[in-house]
N, C-alpha and C. Protein backbone atom coordinates (compact mmCIF):
# COMPACT_ATOMS: atom_id res chain seq x y z
N MET A 1 32.97 -2.65 -7.63
CA MET A 1 31.67 -1.96 -7.46
C MET A 1 30.88 -2.68 -6.37
N SER A 2 30.35 -1.93 -5.43
CA SER A 2 29.60 -2.57 -4.35
C SER A 2 28.24 -3.04 -4.85
N LEU A 3 27.68 -4.02 -4.17
CA LEU A 3 26.41 -4.62 -4.56
C LEU A 3 25.29 -3.57 -4.60
N PHE A 4 25.32 -2.59 -3.67
CA PHE A 4 24.26 -1.59 -3.57
C PHE A 4 24.39 -0.49 -4.62
N ALA A 5 25.54 -0.45 -5.35
CA ALA A 5 25.75 0.60 -6.34
C ALA A 5 25.13 0.23 -7.68
N ARG A 6 24.69 -1.00 -7.85
CA ARG A 6 24.14 -1.41 -9.14
C ARG A 6 22.74 -1.98 -8.96
N HIS A 7 22.02 -2.05 -10.08
CA HIS A 7 20.71 -2.68 -10.07
C HIS A 7 20.87 -4.18 -9.96
N LEU A 8 19.93 -4.81 -9.30
CA LEU A 8 19.91 -6.27 -9.26
C LEU A 8 19.35 -6.79 -10.58
N SER A 9 19.85 -7.92 -11.03
CA SER A 9 19.31 -8.53 -12.24
C SER A 9 17.98 -9.22 -11.91
N ASP A 10 17.20 -9.53 -12.94
CA ASP A 10 15.93 -10.24 -12.73
C ASP A 10 16.17 -11.55 -11.98
N ALA A 11 17.22 -12.27 -12.38
CA ALA A 11 17.52 -13.56 -11.76
C ALA A 11 17.82 -13.39 -10.27
N GLU A 12 18.58 -12.34 -9.93
CA GLU A 12 18.92 -12.08 -8.51
C GLU A 12 17.66 -11.74 -7.71
N ILE A 13 16.78 -10.94 -8.31
CA ILE A 13 15.54 -10.55 -7.62
C ILE A 13 14.67 -11.78 -7.38
N ILE A 14 14.47 -12.58 -8.43
CA ILE A 14 13.61 -13.78 -8.32
C ILE A 14 14.18 -14.75 -7.29
N ALA A 15 15.48 -15.03 -7.40
CA ALA A 15 16.12 -15.97 -6.46
C ALA A 15 16.04 -15.45 -5.04
N GLY A 16 16.28 -14.15 -4.85
CA GLY A 16 16.25 -13.55 -3.51
C GLY A 16 14.88 -13.62 -2.87
N ILE A 17 13.84 -13.34 -3.66
CA ILE A 17 12.47 -13.37 -3.13
C ILE A 17 12.08 -14.81 -2.81
N GLN A 18 12.48 -15.75 -3.67
CA GLN A 18 12.12 -17.15 -3.44
C GLN A 18 12.92 -17.78 -2.30
N THR A 19 14.07 -17.20 -1.98
CA THR A 19 14.90 -17.71 -0.88
C THR A 19 14.20 -17.51 0.47
N GLY A 20 13.55 -16.35 0.61
CA GLY A 20 12.85 -16.07 1.87
C GLY A 20 13.77 -15.48 2.92
N GLY A 21 13.23 -15.33 4.13
CA GLY A 21 13.99 -14.83 5.27
C GLY A 21 14.54 -13.43 5.07
N SER A 22 15.71 -13.18 5.66
CA SER A 22 16.30 -11.84 5.61
C SER A 22 16.76 -11.50 4.19
N THR A 23 17.14 -12.52 3.41
CA THR A 23 17.55 -12.28 2.02
C THR A 23 16.37 -11.69 1.26
N ARG A 24 15.20 -12.30 1.46
CA ARG A 24 13.99 -11.81 0.77
C ARG A 24 13.70 -10.36 1.14
N HIS A 25 13.76 -10.04 2.44
CA HIS A 25 13.48 -8.66 2.87
C HIS A 25 14.45 -7.68 2.22
N SER A 26 15.72 -8.05 2.18
CA SER A 26 16.74 -7.20 1.59
C SER A 26 16.48 -6.98 0.10
N VAL A 27 16.17 -8.07 -0.61
CA VAL A 27 15.91 -7.99 -2.05
C VAL A 27 14.63 -7.20 -2.34
N GLU A 28 13.59 -7.38 -1.51
CA GLU A 28 12.34 -6.63 -1.70
C GLU A 28 12.60 -5.12 -1.56
N ASN A 29 13.44 -4.75 -0.60
CA ASN A 29 13.76 -3.33 -0.41
C ASN A 29 14.55 -2.78 -1.60
N ARG A 30 15.48 -3.59 -2.09
CA ARG A 30 16.26 -3.17 -3.27
C ARG A 30 15.35 -3.03 -4.48
N LEU A 31 14.42 -3.99 -4.63
CA LEU A 31 13.47 -3.94 -5.74
C LEU A 31 12.64 -2.67 -5.66
N TYR A 32 12.16 -2.34 -4.45
CA TYR A 32 11.35 -1.14 -4.25
C TYR A 32 12.11 0.11 -4.70
N GLU A 33 13.39 0.18 -4.34
CA GLU A 33 14.19 1.37 -4.66
C GLU A 33 14.62 1.39 -6.13
N GLN A 34 14.71 0.22 -6.74
CA GLN A 34 15.25 0.10 -8.09
C GLN A 34 14.39 0.80 -9.15
N TYR A 35 13.09 0.76 -9.00
CA TYR A 35 12.21 1.31 -10.03
C TYR A 35 11.40 2.51 -9.55
N LEU A 36 11.94 3.23 -8.59
CA LEU A 36 11.26 4.43 -8.07
C LEU A 36 10.97 5.47 -9.15
N TYR A 37 11.73 5.41 -10.25
CA TYR A 37 11.52 6.39 -11.32
C TYR A 37 10.12 6.24 -11.94
N PHE A 38 9.44 5.10 -11.74
CA PHE A 38 8.07 4.91 -12.23
C PHE A 38 7.17 6.04 -11.72
N ILE A 39 7.40 6.46 -10.47
CA ILE A 39 6.55 7.49 -9.84
C ILE A 39 6.62 8.78 -10.66
N ARG A 40 7.85 9.18 -11.03
CA ARG A 40 8.04 10.38 -11.87
C ARG A 40 7.32 10.21 -13.20
N GLU A 41 7.49 9.01 -13.79
CA GLU A 41 6.83 8.72 -15.08
C GLU A 41 5.32 8.85 -14.96
N GLY A 42 4.77 8.34 -13.84
CA GLY A 42 3.32 8.39 -13.63
C GLY A 42 2.81 9.82 -13.55
N THR A 43 3.55 10.69 -12.84
CA THR A 43 3.11 12.08 -12.71
C THR A 43 3.20 12.79 -14.07
N ARG A 44 4.21 12.42 -14.86
CA ARG A 44 4.42 13.07 -16.16
C ARG A 44 3.44 12.52 -17.21
N LYS A 45 3.41 11.19 -17.34
CA LYS A 45 2.63 10.56 -18.40
C LYS A 45 1.13 10.57 -18.12
N HIS A 46 0.75 10.26 -16.88
CA HIS A 46 -0.68 10.14 -16.56
C HIS A 46 -1.25 11.39 -15.88
N ARG A 47 -0.36 12.34 -15.58
CA ARG A 47 -0.76 13.60 -14.94
C ARG A 47 -1.53 13.36 -13.63
N LEU A 48 -1.04 12.41 -12.87
CA LEU A 48 -1.64 12.10 -11.56
C LEU A 48 -0.83 12.80 -10.48
N PRO A 49 -1.44 13.13 -9.34
CA PRO A 49 -0.66 13.68 -8.22
C PRO A 49 0.37 12.66 -7.76
N GLU A 50 1.48 13.16 -7.22
CA GLU A 50 2.57 12.27 -6.80
C GLU A 50 2.10 11.23 -5.79
N GLU A 51 1.23 11.63 -4.84
CA GLU A 51 0.79 10.67 -3.81
C GLU A 51 0.01 9.51 -4.44
N ASP A 52 -0.75 9.78 -5.51
CA ASP A 52 -1.46 8.70 -6.21
C ASP A 52 -0.47 7.76 -6.89
N CYS A 53 0.57 8.35 -7.49
CA CYS A 53 1.59 7.55 -8.17
C CYS A 53 2.38 6.70 -7.16
N VAL A 54 2.64 7.26 -5.98
CA VAL A 54 3.33 6.50 -4.93
C VAL A 54 2.47 5.31 -4.51
N SER A 55 1.18 5.55 -4.35
CA SER A 55 0.25 4.49 -3.96
C SER A 55 0.21 3.40 -5.04
N ALA A 56 0.13 3.82 -6.32
CA ALA A 56 0.11 2.86 -7.44
C ALA A 56 1.43 2.08 -7.47
N TYR A 57 2.54 2.77 -7.19
CA TYR A 57 3.85 2.11 -7.20
C TYR A 57 3.95 1.09 -6.05
N ASP A 58 3.49 1.48 -4.86
CA ASP A 58 3.50 0.55 -3.72
C ASP A 58 2.72 -0.72 -4.06
N ASP A 59 1.52 -0.53 -4.64
CA ASP A 59 0.69 -1.66 -5.02
C ASP A 59 1.37 -2.51 -6.10
N THR A 60 2.07 -1.84 -7.02
CA THR A 60 2.78 -2.53 -8.11
C THR A 60 3.86 -3.45 -7.55
N ILE A 61 4.66 -2.93 -6.63
CA ILE A 61 5.76 -3.74 -6.06
C ILE A 61 5.19 -4.92 -5.28
N LEU A 62 4.13 -4.67 -4.49
CA LEU A 62 3.50 -5.78 -3.75
C LEU A 62 2.95 -6.83 -4.71
N ALA A 63 2.32 -6.38 -5.80
CA ALA A 63 1.80 -7.33 -6.80
C ALA A 63 2.94 -8.09 -7.46
N GLY A 64 4.02 -7.37 -7.81
CA GLY A 64 5.18 -8.02 -8.43
C GLY A 64 5.79 -9.09 -7.54
N ILE A 65 5.94 -8.78 -6.25
CA ILE A 65 6.48 -9.76 -5.29
C ILE A 65 5.56 -10.98 -5.21
N ASP A 66 4.26 -10.72 -5.18
CA ASP A 66 3.28 -11.81 -5.13
C ASP A 66 3.36 -12.66 -6.40
N HIS A 67 3.48 -12.02 -7.57
CA HIS A 67 3.55 -12.76 -8.84
C HIS A 67 4.82 -13.60 -8.93
N ILE A 68 5.92 -13.09 -8.37
CA ILE A 68 7.18 -13.86 -8.35
C ILE A 68 7.03 -15.05 -7.41
N THR A 69 6.47 -14.80 -6.22
CA THR A 69 6.31 -15.85 -5.21
C THR A 69 5.41 -16.98 -5.70
N THR A 70 4.31 -16.61 -6.37
CA THR A 70 3.33 -17.62 -6.80
C THR A 70 3.65 -18.22 -8.17
N GLY A 71 4.70 -17.70 -8.82
CA GLY A 71 5.08 -18.24 -10.13
C GLY A 71 4.28 -17.65 -11.28
N ARG A 72 3.48 -16.61 -10.99
CA ARG A 72 2.68 -15.98 -12.04
C ARG A 72 3.57 -15.20 -13.02
N PHE A 73 4.68 -14.64 -12.51
CA PHE A 73 5.66 -14.00 -13.40
C PHE A 73 6.50 -15.10 -14.02
N LYS A 74 6.37 -15.28 -15.34
CA LYS A 74 7.02 -16.39 -16.05
C LYS A 74 8.38 -16.01 -16.64
N GLY A 75 8.73 -14.72 -16.57
CA GLY A 75 10.01 -14.30 -17.13
C GLY A 75 9.98 -14.18 -18.64
N GLN A 76 8.77 -14.04 -19.23
CA GLN A 76 8.68 -13.92 -20.69
C GLN A 76 9.03 -12.51 -21.16
N SER A 77 9.08 -11.57 -20.22
CA SER A 77 9.56 -10.22 -20.51
C SER A 77 10.49 -9.84 -19.37
N LYS A 78 11.19 -8.70 -19.53
CA LYS A 78 12.02 -8.24 -18.42
C LYS A 78 11.10 -7.88 -17.26
N LEU A 79 11.57 -8.07 -16.04
CA LEU A 79 10.78 -7.75 -14.85
C LEU A 79 10.40 -6.28 -14.84
N GLU A 80 11.32 -5.42 -15.26
CA GLU A 80 11.05 -3.98 -15.30
C GLU A 80 9.85 -3.68 -16.20
N THR A 81 9.81 -4.31 -17.39
CA THR A 81 8.71 -4.12 -18.34
C THR A 81 7.40 -4.63 -17.74
N TYR A 82 7.48 -5.80 -17.10
CA TYR A 82 6.31 -6.43 -16.48
C TYR A 82 5.74 -5.53 -15.38
N LEU A 83 6.62 -5.02 -14.52
CA LEU A 83 6.19 -4.15 -13.42
C LEU A 83 5.64 -2.83 -13.95
N TYR A 84 6.27 -2.30 -15.01
CA TYR A 84 5.81 -1.02 -15.56
C TYR A 84 4.40 -1.17 -16.13
N GLN A 85 4.11 -2.34 -16.71
CA GLN A 85 2.77 -2.58 -17.25
C GLN A 85 1.73 -2.60 -16.10
N ILE A 86 2.10 -3.27 -15.01
CA ILE A 86 1.21 -3.30 -13.84
C ILE A 86 0.99 -1.87 -13.33
N PHE A 87 2.09 -1.13 -13.22
CA PHE A 87 2.03 0.25 -12.72
C PHE A 87 1.12 1.11 -13.61
N SER A 88 1.31 1.01 -14.94
CA SER A 88 0.49 1.79 -15.88
C SER A 88 -0.99 1.45 -15.72
N ASN A 89 -1.28 0.15 -15.59
CA ASN A 89 -2.68 -0.29 -15.41
C ASN A 89 -3.27 0.31 -14.13
N LYS A 90 -2.47 0.33 -13.07
CA LYS A 90 -2.95 0.87 -11.80
C LYS A 90 -3.20 2.38 -11.91
N CYS A 91 -2.34 3.07 -12.65
CA CYS A 91 -2.54 4.51 -12.88
C CYS A 91 -3.83 4.75 -13.67
N VAL A 92 -4.04 3.95 -14.72
CA VAL A 92 -5.25 4.08 -15.53
C VAL A 92 -6.49 3.80 -14.67
N ASP A 93 -6.40 2.77 -13.81
CA ASP A 93 -7.51 2.45 -12.89
C ASP A 93 -7.83 3.65 -11.99
N LEU A 94 -6.77 4.31 -11.49
CA LEU A 94 -6.97 5.49 -10.63
C LEU A 94 -7.67 6.60 -11.39
N ILE A 95 -7.27 6.81 -12.65
CA ILE A 95 -7.89 7.87 -13.47
C ILE A 95 -9.37 7.54 -13.69
N ARG A 96 -9.65 6.27 -14.03
CA ARG A 96 -11.05 5.84 -14.24
C ARG A 96 -11.88 6.04 -12.97
N LYS A 97 -11.28 5.63 -11.84
CA LYS A 97 -11.98 5.71 -10.56
C LYS A 97 -12.32 7.17 -10.23
N LYS A 98 -11.33 8.06 -10.46
CA LYS A 98 -11.56 9.48 -10.17
C LYS A 98 -12.66 10.04 -11.07
N THR A 99 -12.65 9.64 -12.35
CA THR A 99 -13.66 10.11 -13.30
C THR A 99 -15.04 9.62 -12.87
N THR A 100 -15.12 8.33 -12.53
CA THR A 100 -16.39 7.73 -12.09
C THR A 100 -16.87 8.39 -10.81
N ASN A 101 -15.97 8.60 -9.85
CA ASN A 101 -16.33 9.22 -8.58
C ASN A 101 -16.86 10.64 -8.78
N ARG A 102 -16.25 11.36 -9.74
CA ARG A 102 -16.71 12.72 -10.01
C ARG A 102 -18.14 12.72 -10.50
N GLU A 103 -18.47 11.71 -11.36
CA GLU A 103 -19.83 11.62 -11.88
C GLU A 103 -20.80 11.26 -10.75
N GLN A 104 -20.38 10.37 -9.86
CA GLN A 104 -21.25 9.90 -8.78
C GLN A 104 -21.50 10.98 -7.74
N VAL A 105 -20.56 11.90 -7.61
CA VAL A 105 -20.68 12.97 -6.60
C VAL A 105 -21.97 13.77 -6.84
N HIS A 106 -22.34 13.94 -8.11
CA HIS A 106 -23.49 14.78 -8.44
C HIS A 106 -24.83 14.15 -8.07
N ASN A 107 -24.89 12.80 -8.00
CA ASN A 107 -26.19 12.21 -7.70
C ASN A 107 -26.20 11.34 -6.45
N ALA A 108 -25.15 11.45 -5.64
CA ALA A 108 -25.10 10.64 -4.41
C ALA A 108 -25.43 11.51 -3.21
N VAL A 109 -26.10 10.91 -2.24
CA VAL A 109 -26.37 11.60 -0.98
C VAL A 109 -25.41 11.03 0.05
N SER A 110 -24.56 11.86 0.61
CA SER A 110 -23.58 11.36 1.57
C SER A 110 -24.18 11.28 2.97
N ILE A 111 -23.50 10.53 3.84
CA ILE A 111 -23.93 10.44 5.24
C ILE A 111 -23.89 11.82 5.88
N ASP A 112 -22.88 12.62 5.50
CA ASP A 112 -22.77 13.97 6.06
C ASP A 112 -24.01 14.82 5.75
N ASP A 113 -24.53 14.69 4.50
CA ASP A 113 -25.74 15.43 4.12
C ASP A 113 -26.93 15.00 4.98
N THR A 114 -27.03 13.68 5.18
CA THR A 114 -28.13 13.14 5.99
C THR A 114 -28.01 13.63 7.43
N LEU A 115 -26.79 13.65 7.95
CA LEU A 115 -26.55 14.10 9.33
C LEU A 115 -26.98 15.56 9.51
N LEU A 116 -26.77 16.38 8.51
CA LEU A 116 -27.11 17.80 8.61
C LEU A 116 -28.61 18.00 8.79
N GLN A 117 -29.40 17.01 8.33
CA GLN A 117 -30.85 17.14 8.46
C GLN A 117 -31.35 16.75 9.85
N LEU A 118 -30.49 16.12 10.66
CA LEU A 118 -30.88 15.72 12.02
C LEU A 118 -30.75 16.91 12.98
N PRO A 119 -31.57 16.93 14.05
CA PRO A 119 -31.38 17.97 15.07
C PRO A 119 -30.01 17.81 15.72
N ASP A 120 -29.45 18.88 16.24
CA ASP A 120 -28.09 18.89 16.80
C ASP A 120 -27.74 17.73 17.74
N PRO A 121 -28.50 17.48 18.82
CA PRO A 121 -28.12 16.41 19.75
C PRO A 121 -28.10 15.04 19.06
N ALA A 122 -29.09 14.79 18.19
CA ALA A 122 -29.16 13.50 17.49
C ALA A 122 -27.97 13.35 16.55
N ARG A 123 -27.60 14.45 15.88
CA ARG A 123 -26.47 14.43 14.95
C ARG A 123 -25.19 14.02 15.68
N THR A 124 -24.95 14.61 16.84
CA THR A 124 -23.76 14.31 17.63
C THR A 124 -23.73 12.84 18.04
N VAL A 125 -24.85 12.32 18.49
CA VAL A 125 -24.93 10.92 18.92
C VAL A 125 -24.64 10.00 17.74
N VAL A 126 -25.26 10.27 16.58
CA VAL A 126 -25.05 9.43 15.39
C VAL A 126 -23.59 9.48 14.96
N GLN A 127 -22.99 10.68 14.95
CA GLN A 127 -21.58 10.81 14.58
C GLN A 127 -20.69 10.00 15.51
N GLN A 128 -20.97 10.08 16.81
CA GLN A 128 -20.16 9.35 17.79
C GLN A 128 -20.29 7.84 17.60
N LEU A 129 -21.52 7.39 17.30
CA LEU A 129 -21.72 5.96 17.06
C LEU A 129 -20.97 5.48 15.83
N ILE A 130 -20.99 6.30 14.77
CA ILE A 130 -20.27 5.94 13.54
C ILE A 130 -18.77 5.85 13.83
N ILE A 131 -18.24 6.86 14.51
CA ILE A 131 -16.81 6.88 14.84
C ILE A 131 -16.45 5.69 15.72
N GLN A 132 -17.27 5.44 16.75
CA GLN A 132 -17.02 4.33 17.68
C GLN A 132 -17.04 2.99 16.94
N SER A 133 -18.01 2.83 16.05
CA SER A 133 -18.13 1.59 15.27
C SER A 133 -16.90 1.40 14.39
N ASP A 134 -16.46 2.48 13.72
CA ASP A 134 -15.28 2.41 12.85
C ASP A 134 -14.03 2.05 13.65
N ILE A 135 -13.88 2.65 14.83
CA ILE A 135 -12.70 2.39 15.67
C ILE A 135 -12.70 0.94 16.15
N GLU A 136 -13.88 0.47 16.60
CA GLU A 136 -13.97 -0.92 17.07
C GLU A 136 -13.62 -1.89 15.95
N GLN A 137 -14.15 -1.59 14.77
CA GLN A 137 -13.89 -2.45 13.61
C GLN A 137 -12.40 -2.44 13.26
N LEU A 138 -11.79 -1.27 13.30
CA LEU A 138 -10.36 -1.15 13.01
C LEU A 138 -9.54 -1.97 14.01
N HIS A 139 -9.87 -1.87 15.30
CA HIS A 139 -9.15 -2.62 16.33
C HIS A 139 -9.28 -4.12 16.12
N GLN A 140 -10.46 -4.58 15.71
CA GLN A 140 -10.66 -6.01 15.43
C GLN A 140 -9.76 -6.46 14.29
N HIS A 141 -9.70 -5.65 13.24
CA HIS A 141 -8.86 -6.01 12.08
C HIS A 141 -7.37 -5.94 12.44
N LEU A 142 -6.99 -4.97 13.27
CA LEU A 142 -5.58 -4.86 13.69
C LEU A 142 -5.17 -6.08 14.52
N GLU A 143 -6.09 -6.57 15.36
CA GLU A 143 -5.81 -7.78 16.15
C GLU A 143 -5.61 -8.97 15.22
N ALA A 144 -6.41 -9.01 14.15
CA ALA A 144 -6.39 -10.16 13.23
C ALA A 144 -5.09 -10.26 12.43
N ILE A 145 -4.39 -9.13 12.22
CA ILE A 145 -3.19 -9.18 11.36
C ILE A 145 -1.89 -9.40 12.14
N GLY A 146 -1.98 -9.57 13.44
CA GLY A 146 -0.78 -9.91 14.22
C GLY A 146 -0.20 -8.72 14.97
N ASP A 147 0.51 -9.06 16.03
CA ASP A 147 0.99 -8.06 16.98
C ASP A 147 1.99 -7.09 16.35
N LYS A 148 2.95 -7.62 15.58
CA LYS A 148 4.00 -6.76 15.02
C LYS A 148 3.40 -5.75 14.03
N CYS A 149 2.50 -6.24 13.17
CA CYS A 149 1.83 -5.34 12.21
C CYS A 149 0.98 -4.32 12.95
N ARG A 150 0.28 -4.77 13.99
CA ARG A 150 -0.58 -3.87 14.76
C ARG A 150 0.26 -2.73 15.36
N GLN A 151 1.39 -3.10 16.00
CA GLN A 151 2.26 -2.08 16.61
C GLN A 151 2.77 -1.10 15.57
N MET A 152 3.19 -1.65 14.42
CA MET A 152 3.77 -0.81 13.37
C MET A 152 2.73 0.17 12.82
N LEU A 153 1.53 -0.31 12.52
CA LEU A 153 0.50 0.55 11.94
C LEU A 153 -0.02 1.57 12.94
N LEU A 154 -0.09 1.19 14.22
CA LEU A 154 -0.50 2.17 15.23
C LEU A 154 0.54 3.28 15.36
N ALA A 155 1.82 2.90 15.34
CA ALA A 155 2.89 3.91 15.41
C ALA A 155 2.84 4.83 14.20
N TRP A 156 2.64 4.23 13.03
CA TRP A 156 2.55 5.01 11.78
C TRP A 156 1.33 5.93 11.83
N GLY A 157 0.21 5.42 12.34
CA GLY A 157 -1.01 6.21 12.47
C GLY A 157 -0.85 7.38 13.42
N GLU A 158 0.06 7.23 14.39
CA GLU A 158 0.31 8.32 15.35
C GLU A 158 1.33 9.33 14.82
N GLY A 159 1.79 9.11 13.59
CA GLY A 159 2.66 10.09 12.95
C GLY A 159 4.14 9.78 13.00
N TYR A 160 4.51 8.59 13.51
CA TYR A 160 5.93 8.21 13.51
C TYR A 160 6.39 7.97 12.08
N THR A 161 7.62 8.41 11.77
CA THR A 161 8.17 8.20 10.42
C THR A 161 8.69 6.76 10.31
N ASP A 162 8.95 6.32 9.07
CA ASP A 162 9.51 4.99 8.85
C ASP A 162 10.87 4.86 9.55
N ASP A 163 11.61 5.96 9.57
CA ASP A 163 12.92 5.96 10.23
C ASP A 163 12.77 5.71 11.73
N GLU A 164 11.82 6.41 12.35
CA GLU A 164 11.56 6.25 13.78
C GLU A 164 11.04 4.85 14.10
N ILE A 165 10.16 4.34 13.20
CA ILE A 165 9.62 2.99 13.39
C ILE A 165 10.75 1.96 13.27
N ALA A 166 11.66 2.17 12.32
CA ALA A 166 12.80 1.26 12.13
C ALA A 166 13.63 1.18 13.42
N GLN A 167 13.89 2.34 14.03
CA GLN A 167 14.68 2.37 15.27
C GLN A 167 13.92 1.71 16.41
N GLN A 168 12.65 2.04 16.52
CA GLN A 168 11.80 1.54 17.61
C GLN A 168 11.62 0.02 17.54
N MET A 169 11.46 -0.49 16.31
CA MET A 169 11.15 -1.92 16.14
C MET A 169 12.33 -2.74 15.66
N LYS A 170 13.52 -2.12 15.71
CA LYS A 170 14.79 -2.81 15.42
C LYS A 170 14.90 -3.32 13.97
N TYR A 171 14.42 -2.52 13.00
CA TYR A 171 14.64 -2.84 11.59
C TYR A 171 15.97 -2.23 11.17
N ASN A 172 16.60 -2.79 10.13
CA ASN A 172 17.92 -2.30 9.70
C ASN A 172 17.86 -0.87 9.17
N THR A 173 16.85 -0.59 8.33
CA THR A 173 16.75 0.74 7.73
C THR A 173 15.29 1.17 7.66
N ALA A 174 15.09 2.46 7.34
CA ALA A 174 13.73 2.99 7.15
C ALA A 174 13.07 2.31 5.96
N SER A 175 13.88 1.97 4.95
CA SER A 175 13.37 1.31 3.75
C SER A 175 12.78 -0.07 4.08
N VAL A 176 13.46 -0.80 4.96
CA VAL A 176 12.97 -2.12 5.39
C VAL A 176 11.66 -1.93 6.17
N ALA A 177 11.63 -0.93 7.03
CA ALA A 177 10.41 -0.65 7.81
C ALA A 177 9.26 -0.28 6.88
N LYS A 178 9.56 0.50 5.84
CA LYS A 178 8.51 0.91 4.90
C LYS A 178 7.93 -0.30 4.18
N THR A 179 8.80 -1.19 3.69
CA THR A 179 8.33 -2.39 2.99
C THR A 179 7.47 -3.24 3.93
N SER A 180 7.91 -3.40 5.17
CA SER A 180 7.14 -4.17 6.15
C SER A 180 5.80 -3.50 6.42
N ARG A 181 5.81 -2.16 6.52
CA ARG A 181 4.57 -1.42 6.76
C ARG A 181 3.59 -1.60 5.60
N LEU A 182 4.11 -1.54 4.38
CA LEU A 182 3.24 -1.72 3.20
C LEU A 182 2.64 -3.12 3.20
N ARG A 183 3.44 -4.10 3.62
CA ARG A 183 2.94 -5.48 3.69
C ARG A 183 1.83 -5.57 4.74
N CYS A 184 2.03 -4.88 5.86
CA CYS A 184 1.02 -4.88 6.93
C CYS A 184 -0.27 -4.17 6.47
N LEU A 185 -0.12 -3.07 5.73
CA LEU A 185 -1.30 -2.37 5.21
C LEU A 185 -2.07 -3.27 4.24
N GLU A 186 -1.32 -4.05 3.45
CA GLU A 186 -1.95 -4.98 2.52
C GLU A 186 -2.74 -6.05 3.30
N LYS A 187 -2.14 -6.54 4.39
CA LYS A 187 -2.84 -7.53 5.25
C LYS A 187 -4.11 -6.92 5.83
N LEU A 188 -4.01 -5.66 6.26
CA LEU A 188 -5.17 -4.98 6.85
C LEU A 188 -6.27 -4.83 5.80
N ARG A 189 -5.87 -4.44 4.58
CA ARG A 189 -6.83 -4.29 3.49
C ARG A 189 -7.51 -5.63 3.20
N GLU A 190 -6.72 -6.71 3.17
CA GLU A 190 -7.27 -8.05 2.92
C GLU A 190 -8.23 -8.46 4.03
N SER A 191 -7.90 -8.09 5.28
CA SER A 191 -8.76 -8.42 6.42
C SER A 191 -10.12 -7.73 6.28
N TYR A 192 -10.09 -6.45 5.89
CA TYR A 192 -11.36 -5.72 5.67
C TYR A 192 -12.15 -6.33 4.51
N THR A 193 -11.43 -6.67 3.42
CA THR A 193 -12.10 -7.22 2.24
C THR A 193 -12.76 -8.55 2.54
N SER A 194 -12.06 -9.41 3.28
CA SER A 194 -12.60 -10.75 3.57
C SER A 194 -13.86 -10.69 4.43
N THR A 195 -13.99 -9.67 5.29
CA THR A 195 -15.20 -9.58 6.13
C THR A 195 -16.38 -9.02 5.35
N LYS A 196 -16.10 -8.35 4.23
CA LYS A 196 -17.20 -7.80 3.41
C LYS A 196 -17.83 -8.86 2.54
N LYS A 197 -17.10 -9.97 2.30
CA LYS A 197 -17.61 -11.02 1.41
C LYS A 197 -18.72 -11.80 2.05
């Protein structure tokens, strides 16, 4: 039986992630593919849209890798059980967030509403300033996360698929490119979060 035809054991995943380098990348990709069925479970059990479940799953795998790397995962349960608990919590968080956001929609005044009250020329100027400010801020954060991540996220933002990015940036597979892209998105999110503190 080939190595790719079976699931990796918890010990293989932990050792592979802790080894680092290309072994780590390979094991992270296998880990990502190993529990993809969580997404189906999330849509069925939590009645969330698939894209929300994919997002929760991506966050779950990144958290799992981080917990293995930092020693937070102690191996007191199976890794699958541990990851599924993280995934379920993230799905519940999404449900809570959506419920809270729905309540806030009724009593919040959005920037768009405020813009509508401005005369036409002023509205256009304000919109352009907001867009320009957002773009400048994004470029600053992209610079901060490194050249390779910046190139990858810009390509992804322009609509390139993970497969195309893998070919362009010399990754072995689209799956490897996707894992790297998710890591870069996490770095970008952390960069934005750290400037808000």
